Structures are given as C-alpha cells and as structure tokens.
C-alpha cells in the first residue's frame, strides 16, 4: 500500500491514522487532525493534545506491532474543544510504502 491509496479516506467521518516504529504519525486523515487541532504527521502522541494519554496509546501500539494481531479497545483522549472524548479503536499492522506500520481507525463514542 502507498500513502496515495489512503487519500480516499481524507474526508471520512472517522479517524484514520498510520504510525511508524518510532510511534510518529506518518499519515492522518482530516478527522484526526481536527481532533488534534493541528496536522499530526511527523508528531508523536506526547506532542498532541492527548499527551497525558501518550504512554497508554504507545503501549497499545507496541502490543499490536509485536503480536501482529488486530486489537479492539476503547481509548480516552483530550480534544482541544470538547475535553476528554472516548474512542472505539481498532489497531492493526499493515504495510505502507514498504514498511510495517501500525494503522488505526476509530470513532468517537457519544456521551
């Protein structure tokens, strides 16, 4: 898969992202960038509004990359305007531009 293959998801009504082995975002659609209040590409979770949750988010990423198996979880992250939001998340490993990456897709769970 190539980054250009993900362009169709740029305006999707869910969050979609890809992280490298150093847990930096290498791709993120408009929804995750809106949640962050900024472009997420090139940043890691500790540089984004949900930095208080970065350690737990990275732990989940590490587990998924090590096992190679999808993981379905709920995560709570900070939103720049809404405060804490709960996300229903699926993370999995796939290839992007010739490298194994952790992919994620999530939906905001309304309170």
PDB file of N, CA and C in Angstrom:
ATOM      1  N   UNK A   1       0.837  -1.169   0.000  1.00  0.00           N
ATOM      2  CA  UNK A   1       0.000   0.000   0.000  1.00  0.00           C
ATOM      3  C   UNK A   1       0.890   1.243   0.000  1.00  0.00           C
ATOM      4  N   UNK A   2       0.388   2.306  -0.649  1.00  0.00           N
ATOM      5  CA  UNK A   2       1.103   3.574  -0.692  1.00  0.00           C
ATOM      6  C   UNK A   2       0.241   4.653  -0.035  1.00  0.00           C
ATOM      7  N   UNK A   3       0.897   5.717   0.414  1.00  0.00           N
ATOM      8  CA  UNK A   3       0.149   6.808   1.054  1.00  0.00           C
ATOM      9  C   UNK A   3      -0.965   7.324   0.161  1.00  0.00           C
ATOM     10  N   UNK A   4      -0.721   7.369  -1.130  1.00  0.00           N
ATOM     11  CA  UNK A   4      -1.752   7.864  -2.045  1.00  0.00           C
ATOM     12  C   UNK A   4      -3.001   6.987  -2.017  1.00  0.00           C
ATOM     13  N   UNK A   5      -2.861   5.712  -1.643  1.00  0.00           N
ATOM     14  CA  UNK A   5      -4.012   4.820  -1.522  1.00  0.00           C
ATOM     15  C   UNK A   5      -4.946   5.261  -0.400  1.00  0.00           C
ATOM     16  N   UNK A   6      -4.419   6.012   0.553  1.00  0.00           N
ATOM     17  CA  UNK A   6      -5.214   6.454   1.703  1.00  0.00           C
ATOM     18  C   UNK A   6      -5.981   7.742   1.427  1.00  0.00           C
ATOM     19  N   UNK A   7      -5.688   8.416   0.329  1.00  0.00           N
ATOM     20  CA  UNK A   7      -6.321   9.697   0.030  1.00  0.00           C
ATOM     21  C   UNK A   7      -7.846   9.621   0.004  1.00  0.00           C
ATOM     22  N   UNK A   8      -8.391   8.493  -0.377  1.00  0.00           N
ATOM     23  CA  UNK A   8      -9.845   8.337  -0.425  1.00  0.00           C
ATOM     24  C   UNK A   8     -10.480   8.479   0.957  1.00  0.00           C
ATOM     25  N   UNK A   9      -9.683   8.309   2.017  1.00  0.00           N
ATOM     26  CA  UNK A   9     -10.195   8.384   3.388  1.00  0.00           C
ATOM     27  C   UNK A   9      -9.968   9.744   4.036  1.00  0.00           C
ATOM     28  N   UNK A  10      -9.440  10.695   3.277  1.00  0.00           N
ATOM     29  CA  UNK A  10      -9.110  12.003   3.846  1.00  0.00           C
ATOM     30  C   UNK A  10     -10.320  12.690   4.476  1.00  0.00           C
ATOM     31  N   UNK A  11     -11.493  12.584   3.869  1.00  0.00           N
ATOM     32  CA  UNK A  11     -12.689  13.245   4.372  1.00  0.00           C
ATOM     33  C   UNK A  11     -13.677  12.286   5.039  1.00  0.00           C
ATOM     34  N   UNK A  12     -13.236  11.093   5.377  1.00  0.00           N
ATOM     35  CA  UNK A  12     -14.113  10.105   6.017  1.00  0.00           C
ATOM     36  C   UNK A  12     -14.569  10.604   7.392  1.00  0.00           C
ATOM     37  N   UNK A  13     -15.760  10.196   7.836  1.00  0.00           N
ATOM     38  CA  UNK A  13     -16.290  10.658   9.119  1.00  0.00           C
ATOM     39  C   UNK A  13     -15.786   9.848  10.316  1.00  0.00           C
ATOM     40  N   UNK A  14     -14.586   9.349  10.223  1.00  0.00           N
ATOM     41  CA  UNK A  14     -13.948   8.626  11.315  1.00  0.00           C
ATOM     42  C   UNK A  14     -12.476   8.975  11.295  1.00  0.00           C
ATOM     43  N   UNK A  15     -11.779   8.669  12.384  1.00  0.00           N
ATOM     44  CA  UNK A  15     -10.350   8.961  12.473  1.00  0.00           C
ATOM     45  C   UNK A  15      -9.577   7.784  11.895  1.00  0.00           C
ATOM     46  N   UNK A  16      -8.622   8.072  11.037  1.00  0.00           N
ATOM     47  CA  UNK A  16      -7.765   7.041  10.458  1.00  0.00           C
ATOM     48  C   UNK A  16      -6.342   7.576  10.476  1.00  0.00           C
ATOM     49  N   UNK A  17      -5.411   6.738  10.948  1.00  0.00           N
ATOM     50  CA  UNK A  17      -4.017   7.173  11.043  1.00  0.00           C
ATOM     51  C   UNK A  17      -3.080   6.002  10.869  1.00  0.00           C
ATOM     52  N   UNK A  18      -1.804   6.338  10.621  1.00  0.00           N
ATOM     53  CA  UNK A  18      -0.743   5.346  10.486  1.00  0.00           C
ATOM     54  C   UNK A  18       0.466   5.871  11.253  1.00  0.00           C
ATOM     55  N   UNK A  19       1.099   4.985  12.035  1.00  0.00           N
ATOM     56  CA  UNK A  19       2.295   5.354  12.803  1.00  0.00           C
ATOM     57  C   UNK A  19       3.470   4.473  12.396  1.00  0.00           C
ATOM     58  N   UNK A  20       4.668   5.045  12.508  1.00  0.00           N
ATOM     59  CA  UNK A  20       5.877   4.277  12.225  1.00  0.00           C
ATOM     60  C   UNK A  20       6.367   3.587  13.493  1.00  0.00           C
ATOM     61  N   UNK A  21       7.523   2.921  13.391  1.00  0.00           N
ATOM     62  CA  UNK A  21       8.057   2.148  14.520  1.00  0.00           C
ATOM     63  C   UNK A  21       8.585   3.027  15.647  1.00  0.00           C
ATOM     64  N   UNK A  22       8.667   4.326  15.424  1.00  0.00           N
ATOM     65  CA  UNK A  22       9.054   5.261  16.498  1.00  0.00           C
ATOM     66  C   UNK A  22       7.831   6.004  17.012  1.00  0.00           C
ATOM     67  N   UNK A  23       6.644   5.526  16.607  1.00  0.00           N
ATOM     68  CA  UNK A  23       5.342   5.995  17.075  1.00  0.00           C
ATOM     69  C   UNK A  23       5.021   7.416  16.628  1.00  0.00           C
ATOM     70  N   UNK A  24       5.644   7.828  15.511  1.00  0.00           N
ATOM     71  CA  UNK A  24       5.295   9.101  14.883  1.00  0.00           C
ATOM     72  C   UNK A  24       4.193   8.837  13.857  1.00  0.00           C
ATOM     73  N   UNK A  25       3.293   9.783  13.738  1.00  0.00           N
ATOM     74  CA  UNK A  25       2.253   9.683  12.716  1.00  0.00           C
ATOM     75  C   UNK A  25       2.882   9.934  11.350  1.00  0.00           C
ATOM     76  N   UNK A  26       2.691   8.997  10.437  1.00  0.00           N
ATOM     77  CA  UNK A  26       3.181   9.172   9.074  1.00  0.00           C
ATOM     78  C   UNK A  26       2.033   9.527   8.128  1.00  0.00           C
ATOM     79  N   UNK A  27       0.813   9.361   8.602  1.00  0.00           N
ATOM     80  CA  UNK A  27      -0.364   9.754   7.839  1.00  0.00           C
ATOM     81  C   UNK A  27      -1.527   9.887   8.809  1.00  0.00           C
ATOM     82  N   UNK A  28      -2.368  10.858   8.565  1.00  0.00           N
ATOM     83  CA  UNK A  28      -3.584  11.024   9.351  1.00  0.00           C
ATOM     84  C   UNK A  28      -4.625  11.731   8.512  1.00  0.00           C
ATOM     85  N   UNK A  29      -5.863  11.290   8.607  1.00  0.00           N
ATOM     86  CA  UNK A  29      -6.903  11.951   7.818  1.00  0.00           C
ATOM     87  C   UNK A  29      -7.360  13.236   8.507  1.00  0.00           C
ATOM     88  N   UNK A  30      -8.220  13.969   7.840  1.00  0.00           N
ATOM     89  CA  UNK A  30      -8.678  15.270   8.326  1.00  0.00           C
ATOM     90  C   UNK A  30      -9.319  15.155   9.708  1.00  0.00           C
ATOM     91  N   UNK A  31     -10.055  14.089   9.982  1.00  0.00           N
ATOM     92  CA  UNK A  31     -10.753  13.952  11.266  1.00  0.00           C
ATOM     93  C   UNK A  31      -9.776  13.882  12.439  1.00  0.00           C
ATOM     94  N   UNK A  32      -8.679  13.141  12.314  1.00  0.00           N
ATOM     95  CA  UNK A  32      -7.730  13.077  13.433  1.00  0.00           C
ATOM     96  C   UNK A  32      -6.977  14.406  13.571  1.00  0.00           C
ATOM     97  N   UNK A  33      -6.711  15.057  12.443  1.00  0.00           N
ATOM     98  CA  UNK A  33      -6.062  16.372  12.512  1.00  0.00           C
ATOM     99  C   UNK A  33      -6.991  17.394  13.161  1.00  0.00           C
ATOM    100  N   UNK A  34      -8.291  17.310  12.869  1.00  0.00           N
ATOM    101  CA  UNK A  34      -9.260  18.200  13.516  1.00  0.00           C
ATOM    102  C   UNK A  34      -9.324  17.931  15.011  1.00  0.00           C
ATOM    103  N   UNK A  35      -9.301  16.664  15.397  1.00  0.00           N
ATOM    104  CA  UNK A  35      -9.315  16.318  16.816  1.00  0.00           C
ATOM    105  C   UNK A  35      -8.079  16.883  17.511  1.00  0.00           C
ATOM    106  N   UNK A  36      -6.945  16.830  16.824  1.00  0.00           N
ATOM    107  CA  UNK A  36      -5.692  17.335  17.392  1.00  0.00           C
ATOM    108  C   UNK A  36      -5.603  18.858  17.337  1.00  0.00           C
ATOM    109  N   UNK A  37      -6.392  19.476  16.464  1.00  0.00           N
ATOM    110  CA  UNK A  37      -6.299  20.914  16.278  1.00  0.00           C
ATOM    111  C   UNK A  37      -5.094  21.309  15.442  1.00  0.00           C
ATOM    112  N   UNK A  38      -4.460  20.336  14.793  1.00  0.00           N
ATOM    113  CA  UNK A  38      -3.252  20.574  14.001  1.00  0.00           C
ATOM    114  C   UNK A  38      -2.965  19.317  13.178  1.00  0.00           C
ATOM    115  N   UNK A  39      -2.060  19.426  12.221  1.00  0.00           N
ATOM    116  CA  UNK A  39      -1.641  18.265  11.442  1.00  0.00           C
ATOM    117  C   UNK A  39      -0.849  17.328  12.359  1.00  0.00           C
ATOM    118  N   UNK A  40      -1.163  16.044  12.350  1.00  0.00           N
ATOM    119  CA  UNK A  40      -0.487  15.085  13.222  1.00  0.00           C
ATOM    120  C   UNK A  40       0.782  14.503  12.601  1.00  0.00           C
ATOM    121  N   UNK A  41       0.946  14.613  11.289  1.00  0.00           N
ATOM    122  CA  UNK A  41       2.077  13.979  10.599  1.00  0.00           C
ATOM    123  C   UNK A  41       3.403  14.518  11.129  1.00  0.00           C
ATOM    124  N   UNK A  42       4.295  13.570  11.454  1.00  0.00           N
ATOM    125  CA  UNK A  42       5.612  13.908  11.984  1.00  0.00           C
ATOM    126  C   UNK A  42       5.646  14.056  13.493  1.00  0.00           C
ATOM    127  N   UNK A  43       4.496  13.972  14.131  1.00  0.00           N
ATOM    128  CA  UNK A  43       4.421  14.132  15.590  1.00  0.00           C
ATOM    129  C   UNK A  43       4.141  12.789  16.242  1.00  0.00           C
ATOM    130  N   UNK A  44       4.423  12.711  17.526  1.00  0.00           N
ATOM    131  CA  UNK A  44       4.016  11.537  18.295  1.00  0.00           C
ATOM    132  C   UNK A  44       2.967  11.979  19.299  1.00  0.00           C
ATOM    133  N   UNK A  45       2.364  11.018  19.985  1.00  0.00           N
ATOM    134  CA  UNK A  45       1.251  11.325  20.879  1.00  0.00           C
ATOM    135  C   UNK A  45       1.627  12.302  21.997  1.00  0.00           C
ATOM    136  N   UNK A  46       2.869  12.301  22.436  1.00  0.00           N
ATOM    137  CA  UNK A  46       3.276  13.199  23.513  1.00  0.00           C
ATOM    138  C   UNK A  46       3.368  14.659  23.058  1.00  0.00           C
ATOM    139  N   UNK A  47       3.217  14.899  21.751  1.00  0.00           N
ATOM    140  CA  UNK A  47       3.244  16.261  21.211  1.00  0.00           C
ATOM    141  C   UNK A  47       1.853  16.767  20.830  1.00  0.00           C
ATOM    142  N   UNK A  48       0.835  16.009  21.165  1.00  0.00           N
ATOM    143  CA  UNK A  48      -0.528  16.341  20.760  1.00  0.00           C
ATOM    144  C   UNK A  48      -1.411  16.561  21.991  1.00  0.00           C
ATOM    145  N   UNK A  49      -2.616  17.089  21.813  1.00  0.00           N
ATOM    146  CA  UNK A  49      -3.461  17.413  22.965  1.00  0.00           C
ATOM    147  C   UNK A  49      -3.703  16.249  23.931  1.00  0.00           C
ATOM    148  N   UNK A  50      -3.582  15.021  23.448  1.00  0.00           N
ATOM    149  CA  UNK A  50      -3.794  13.853  24.303  1.00  0.00           C
ATOM    150  C   UNK A  50      -2.494  13.342  24.913  1.00  0.00           C
ATOM    151  N   UNK A  51      -1.515  14.235  25.084  1.00  0.00           N
ATOM    152  CA  UNK A  51      -0.192  13.840  25.598  1.00  0.00           C
ATOM    153  C   UNK A  51      -0.265  13.141  26.953  1.00  0.00           C
ATOM    154  N   UNK A  52      -1.258  13.456  27.778  1.00  0.00           N
ATOM    155  CA  UNK A  52      -1.395  12.793  29.075  1.00  0.00           C
ATOM    156  C   UNK A  52      -1.675  11.298  28.908  1.00  0.00           C
ATOM    157  N   UNK A  53      -2.209  10.914  27.761  1.00  0.00           N
ATOM    158  CA  UNK A  53      -2.543   9.514  27.483  1.00  0.00           C
ATOM    159  C   UNK A  53      -1.519   8.833  26.585  1.00  0.00           C
ATOM    160  N   UNK A  54      -0.435   9.542  26.249  1.00  0.00           N
ATOM    161  CA  UNK A  54       0.534   9.043  25.269  1.00  0.00           C
ATOM    162  C   UNK A  54       1.125   7.692  25.656  1.00  0.00           C
ATOM    163  N   UNK A  55       1.476   7.514  26.904  1.00  0.00           N
ATOM    164  CA  UNK A  55       2.109   6.259  27.321  1.00  0.00           C
ATOM    165  C   UNK A  55       1.191   5.065  27.073  1.00  0.00           C
ATOM    166  N   UNK A  56      -0.076   5.190  27.402  1.00  0.00           N
ATOM    167  CA  UNK A  56      -1.030   4.097  27.186  1.00  0.00           C
ATOM    168  C   UNK A  56      -1.261   3.854  25.696  1.00  0.00           C
ATOM    169  N   UNK A  57      -1.330   4.933  24.913  1.00  0.00           N
ATOM    170  CA  UNK A  57      -1.542   4.780  23.479  1.00  0.00           C
ATOM    171  C   UNK A  57      -0.368   4.059  22.824  1.00  0.00           C
ATOM    172  N   UNK A  58       0.843   4.430  23.207  1.00  0.00           N
ATOM    173  CA  UNK A  58       2.042   3.789  22.658  1.00  0.00           C
ATOM    174  C   UNK A  58       2.119   2.327  23.094  1.00  0.00           C
ATOM    175  N   UNK A  59       1.738   2.029  24.311  1.00  0.00           N
ATOM    176  CA  UNK A  59       1.747   0.635  24.799  1.00  0.00           C
ATOM    177  C   UNK A  59       0.847  -0.219  23.915  1.00  0.00           C
ATOM    178  N   UNK A  60      -0.330   0.293  23.600  1.00  0.00           N
ATOM    179  CA  UNK A  60      -1.232  -0.445  22.704  1.00  0.00           C
ATOM    180  C   UNK A  60      -0.597  -0.629  21.322  1.00  0.00           C
ATOM    181  N   UNK A  61       0.040   0.422  20.810  1.00  0.00           N
ATOM    182  CA  UNK A  61       0.715   0.323  19.505  1.00  0.00           C
ATOM    183  C   UNK A  61       1.810  -0.745  19.536  1.00  0.00           C
ATOM    184  N   UNK A  62       2.606  -0.740  20.601  1.00  0.00           N
ATOM    185  CA  UNK A  62       3.686  -1.728  20.743  1.00  0.00           C
ATOM    186  C   UNK A  62       3.135  -3.145  20.766  1.00  0.00           C
ATOM    187  N   UNK A  63       2.049  -3.350  21.516  1.00  0.00           N
ATOM    188  CA  UNK A  63       1.440  -4.679  21.605  1.00  0.00           C
ATOM    189  C   UNK A  63       0.953  -5.160  20.246  1.00  0.00           C
ATOM    190  N   UNK A  64       0.334  -4.268  19.496  1.00  0.00           N
ATOM    191  CA  UNK A  64      -0.183  -4.628  18.173  1.00  0.00           C
ATOM    192  C   UNK A  64       0.968  -4.956  17.224  1.00  0.00           C
ATOM    193  N   UNK A  65       2.008  -4.126  17.216  1.00  0.00           N
ATOM    194  CA  UNK A  65       3.135  -4.376  16.322  1.00  0.00           C
ATOM    195  C   UNK A  65       3.846  -5.680  16.678  1.00  0.00           C
ATOM    196  N   UNK A  66       4.017  -5.953  17.966  1.00  0.00           N
ATOM    197  CA  UNK A  66       4.701  -7.175  18.402  1.00  0.00           C
ATOM    198  C   UNK A  66       3.895  -8.432  18.069  1.00  0.00           C
ATOM    199  N   UNK A  67       2.584  -8.377  18.284  1.00  0.00           N
ATOM    200  CA  UNK A  67       1.755  -9.570  18.065  1.00  0.00           C
ATOM    201  C   UNK A  67       1.342  -9.734  16.606  1.00  0.00           C
ATOM    202  N   UNK A  68       1.237  -8.626  15.885  1.00  0.00           N
ATOM    203  CA  UNK A  68       0.755  -8.672  14.509  1.00  0.00           C
ATOM    204  C   UNK A  68      -0.741  -8.905  14.416  1.00  0.00           C
ATOM    205  N   UNK A  69      -1.421  -8.912  15.579  1.00  0.00           N
ATOM    206  CA  UNK A  69      -2.859  -9.174  15.613  1.00  0.00           C
ATOM    207  C   UNK A  69      -3.633  -7.887  15.860  1.00  0.00           C
ATOM    208  N   UNK A  70      -4.794  -7.745  15.222  1.00  0.00           N
ATOM    209  CA  UNK A  70      -5.617  -6.557  15.467  1.00  0.00           C
ATOM    210  C   UNK A  70      -6.028  -6.470  16.932  1.00  0.00           C
ATOM    211  N   UNK A  71      -6.238  -5.261  17.386  1.00  0.00           N
ATOM    212  CA  UNK A  71      -6.669  -5.036  18.768  1.00  0.00           C
ATOM    213  C   UNK A  71      -7.842  -4.067  18.747  1.00  0.00           C
ATOM    214  N   UNK A  72      -8.891  -4.411  19.487  1.00  0.00           N
ATOM    215  CA  UNK A  72     -10.100  -3.591  19.581  1.00  0.00           C
ATOM    216  C   UNK A  72     -10.194  -3.086  21.009  1.00  0.00           C
ATOM    217  N   UNK A  73     -10.194  -1.762  21.166  1.00  0.00           N
ATOM    218  CA  UNK A  73     -10.147  -1.179  22.513  1.00  0.00           C
ATOM    219  C   UNK A  73     -10.946   0.124  22.560  1.00  0.00           C
ATOM    220  N   UNK A  74     -11.145   0.621  23.758  1.00  0.00           N
ATOM    221  CA  UNK A  74     -11.655   1.971  23.977  1.00  0.00           C
ATOM    222  C   UNK A  74     -10.499   2.789  24.512  1.00  0.00           C
ATOM    223  N   UNK A  75     -10.334   3.998  23.982  1.00  0.00           N
ATOM    224  CA  UNK A  75      -9.295   4.910  24.448  1.00  0.00           C
ATOM    225  C   UNK A  75      -9.940   6.248  24.768  1.00  0.00           C
ATOM    226  N   UNK A  76      -9.416   6.907  25.759  1.00  0.00           N
ATOM    227  CA  UNK A  76      -9.863   8.243  26.102  1.00  0.00           C
ATOM    228  C   UNK A  76      -8.739   9.208  25.762  1.00  0.00           C
ATOM    229  N   UNK A  77      -9.064  10.259  25.005  1.00  0.00           N
ATOM    230  CA  UNK A  77      -8.064  11.254  24.619  1.00  0.00           C
ATOM    231  C   UNK A  77      -8.652  12.649  24.799  1.00  0.00           C
ATOM    232  N   UNK A  78      -7.772  13.621  24.909  1.00  0.00           N
ATOM    233  CA  UNK A  78      -8.194  15.009  25.050  1.00  0.00           C
ATOM    234  C   UNK A  78      -8.472  15.623  23.680  1.00  0.00           C
ATOM    235  N   UNK A  79      -9.551  16.366  23.617  1.00  0.00           N
ATOM    236  CA  UNK A  79      -9.909  17.120  22.417  1.00  0.00           C
ATOM    237  C   UNK A  79      -9.754  18.593  22.745  1.00  0.00           C
ATOM    238  N   UNK A  80      -9.246  19.362  21.808  1.00  0.00           N
ATOM    239  CA  UNK A  80      -8.940  20.767  22.067  1.00  0.00           C
ATOM    240  C   UNK A  80     -10.154  21.576  22.508  1.00  0.00           C
ATOM    241  N   UNK A  81     -11.347  21.219  22.078  1.00  0.00           N
ATOM    242  CA  UNK A  81     -12.539  21.973  22.450  1.00  0.00           C
ATOM    243  C   UNK A  81     -13.498  21.197  23.344  1.00  0.00           C
ATOM    244  N   UNK A  82     -13.548  19.889  23.210  1.00  0.00           N
ATOM    245  CA  UNK A  82     -14.547  19.082  23.906  1.00  0.00           C
ATOM    246  C   UNK A  82     -14.053  18.460  25.206  1.00  0.00           C
ATOM    247  N   UNK A  83     -12.787  18.618  25.536  1.00  0.00           N
ATOM    248  CA  UNK A  83     -12.258  17.931  26.707  1.00  0.00           C
ATOM    249  C   UNK A  83     -12.013  16.471  26.368  1.00  0.00           C
ATOM    250  N   UNK A  84     -12.173  15.595  27.341  1.00  0.00           N
ATOM    251  CA  UNK A  84     -11.925  14.167  27.121  1.00  0.00           C
ATOM    252  C   UNK A  84     -13.033  13.557  26.266  1.00  0.00           C
ATOM    253  N   UNK A  85     -12.625  12.775  25.258  1.00  0.00           N
ATOM    254  CA  UNK A  85     -13.574  12.028  24.444  1.00  0.00           C
ATOM    255  C   UNK A  85     -13.154  10.561  24.457  1.00  0.00           C
ATOM    256  N   UNK A  86     -14.148   9.684  24.375  1.00  0.00           N
ATOM    257  CA  UNK A  86     -13.888   8.247  24.340  1.00  0.00           C
ATOM    258  C   UNK A  86     -13.999   7.767  22.905  1.00  0.00           C
ATOM    259  N   UNK A  87     -13.002   6.984  22.496  1.00  0.00           N
ATOM    260  CA  UNK A  87     -12.944   6.464  21.142  1.00  0.00           C
ATOM    261  C   UNK A  87     -13.033   4.944  21.141  1.00  0.00           C
ATOM    262  N   UNK A  88     -13.775   4.406  20.201  1.00  0.00           N
ATOM    263  CA  UNK A  88     -13.768   2.978  19.937  1.00  0.00           C
ATOM    264  C   UNK A  88     -12.724   2.770  18.845  1.00  0.00           C
ATOM    265  N   UNK A  89     -11.685   1.978  19.139  1.00  0.00           N
ATOM    266  CA  UNK A  89     -10.494   1.917  18.295  1.00  0.00           C
ATOM    267  C   UNK A  89     -10.192   0.492  17.839  1.00  0.00           C
ATOM    268  N   UNK A  90      -9.759   0.376  16.601  1.00  0.00           N
ATOM    269  CA  UNK A  90      -9.161  -0.857  16.098  1.00  0.00           C
ATOM    270  C   UNK A  90      -7.777  -0.487  15.582  1.00  0.00           C
ATOM    271  N   UNK A  91      -6.770  -1.217  16.048  1.00  0.00           N
ATOM    272  CA  UNK A  91      -5.396  -1.037  15.563  1.00  0.00           C
ATOM    273  C   UNK A  91      -4.945  -2.342  14.945  1.00  0.00           C
ATOM    274  N   UNK A  92      -4.178  -2.242  13.857  1.00  0.00           N
ATOM    275  CA  UNK A  92      -3.672  -3.435  13.192  1.00  0.00           C
ATOM    276  C   UNK A  92      -2.363  -3.097  12.481  1.00  0.00           C
ATOM    277  N   UNK A  93      -1.653  -4.143  12.070  1.00  0.00           N
ATOM    278  CA  UNK A  93      -0.387  -3.974  11.348  1.00  0.00           C
ATOM    279  C   UNK A  93      -0.625  -4.217   9.868  1.00  0.00           C
ATOM    280  N   UNK A  94      -0.056  -3.340   9.072  1.00  0.00           N
ATOM    281  CA  UNK A  94      -0.105  -3.498   7.617  1.00  0.00           C
ATOM    282  C   UNK A  94       1.150  -2.845   7.057  1.00  0.00           C
ATOM    283  N   UNK A  95       1.313  -2.923   5.757  1.00  0.00           N
ATOM    284  CA  UNK A  95       2.480  -2.331   5.106  1.00  0.00           C
ATOM    285  C   UNK A  95       2.097  -1.009   4.462  1.00  0.00           C
ATOM    286  N   UNK A  96       2.959  -0.026   4.603  1.00  0.00           N
ATOM    287  CA  UNK A  96       2.786   1.249   3.929  1.00  0.00           C
ATOM    288  C   UNK A  96       4.135   1.677   3.393  1.00  0.00           C
ATOM    289  N   UNK A  97       4.202   1.919   2.100  1.00  0.00           N
ATOM    290  CA  UNK A  97       5.446   2.318   1.442  1.00  0.00           C
ATOM    291  C   UNK A  97       6.604   1.383   1.775  1.00  0.00           C
ATOM    292  N   UNK A  98       6.312   0.077   1.821  1.00  0.00           N
ATOM    293  CA  UNK A  98       7.345  -0.929   2.025  1.00  0.00           C
ATOM    294  C   UNK A  98       7.768  -1.157   3.470  1.00  0.00           C
ATOM    295  N   UNK A  99       7.054  -0.576   4.444  1.00  0.00           N
ATOM    296  CA  UNK A  99       7.404  -0.737   5.858  1.00  0.00           C
ATOM    297  C   UNK A  99       6.190  -1.204   6.654  1.00  0.00           C
ATOM    298  N   UNK A 100       6.448  -2.049   7.664  1.00  0.00           N
ATOM    299  CA  UNK A 100       5.378  -2.447   8.589  1.00  0.00           C
ATOM    300  C   UNK A 100       5.005  -1.233   9.426  1.00  0.00           C
ATOM    301  N   UNK A 101       3.717  -0.962   9.514  1.00  0.00           N
ATOM    302  CA  UNK A 101       3.211   0.192  10.248  1.00  0.00           C
ATOM    303  C   UNK A 101       2.013  -0.219  11.104  1.00  0.00           C
ATOM    304  N   UNK A 102       1.768   0.580  12.113  1.00  0.00           N
ATOM    305  CA  UNK A 102       0.556   0.383  12.907  1.00  0.00           C
ATOM    306  C   UNK A 102      -0.505   1.336  12.364  1.00  0.00           C
ATOM    307  N   UNK A 103      -1.607   0.760  11.926  1.00  0.00           N
ATOM    308  CA  UNK A 103      -2.754   1.515  11.425  1.00  0.00           C
ATOM    309  C   UNK A 103      -3.794   1.588  12.538  1.00  0.00           C
ATOM    310  N   UNK A 104      -4.574   2.646  12.513  1.00  0.00           N
ATOM    311  CA  UNK A 104      -5.658   2.760  13.474  1.00  0.00           C
ATOM    312  C   UNK A 104      -6.861   3.428  12.850  1.00  0.00           C
ATOM    313  N   UNK A 105      -8.020   2.996  13.299  1.00  0.00           N
ATOM    314  CA  UNK A 105      -9.278   3.622  12.893  1.00  0.00           C
ATOM    315  C   UNK A 105     -10.125   3.727  14.150  1.00  0.00           C
ATOM    316  N   UNK A 106     -10.799   4.843  14.299  1.00  0.00           N
ATOM    317  CA  UNK A 106     -11.613   4.998  15.495  1.00  0.00           C
ATOM    318  C   UNK A 106     -12.798   5.915  15.247  1.00  0.00           C
ATOM    319  N   UNK A 107     -13.760   5.764  16.121  1.00  0.00           N
ATOM    320  CA  UNK A 107     -14.981   6.552  16.115  1.00  0.00           C
ATOM    321  C   UNK A 107     -15.162   7.140  17.503  1.00  0.00           C
ATOM    322  N   UNK A 108     -15.657   8.362  17.552  1.00  0.00           N
ATOM    323  CA  UNK A 108     -15.972   8.974  18.835  1.00  0.00           C
ATOM    324  C   UNK A 108     -17.237   8.319  19.374  1.00  0.00           C
ATOM    325  N   UNK A 109     -17.183   7.912  20.630  1.00  0.00           N
ATOM    326  CA  UNK A 109     -18.370   7.340  21.279  1.00  0.00           C
ATOM    327  C   UNK A 109     -19.114   8.483  21.974  1.00  0.00           C
ATOM    328  N   UNK A 110     -20.319   8.822  21.503  1.00  0.00           N
ATOM    329  CA  UNK A 110     -21.050   9.929  22.118  1.00  0.00           C
ATOM    330  C   UNK A 110     -21.344   9.649  23.590  1.00  0.00           C
ATOM    331  N   UNK A 111     -21.249  10.678  24.385  1.00  0.00           N
ATOM    332  CA  UNK A 111     -21.534  10.561  25.824  1.00  0.00           C
ATOM    333  C   UNK A 111     -23.025  10.518  26.052  1.00  0.00           C
TER     334      UNK A 111
END
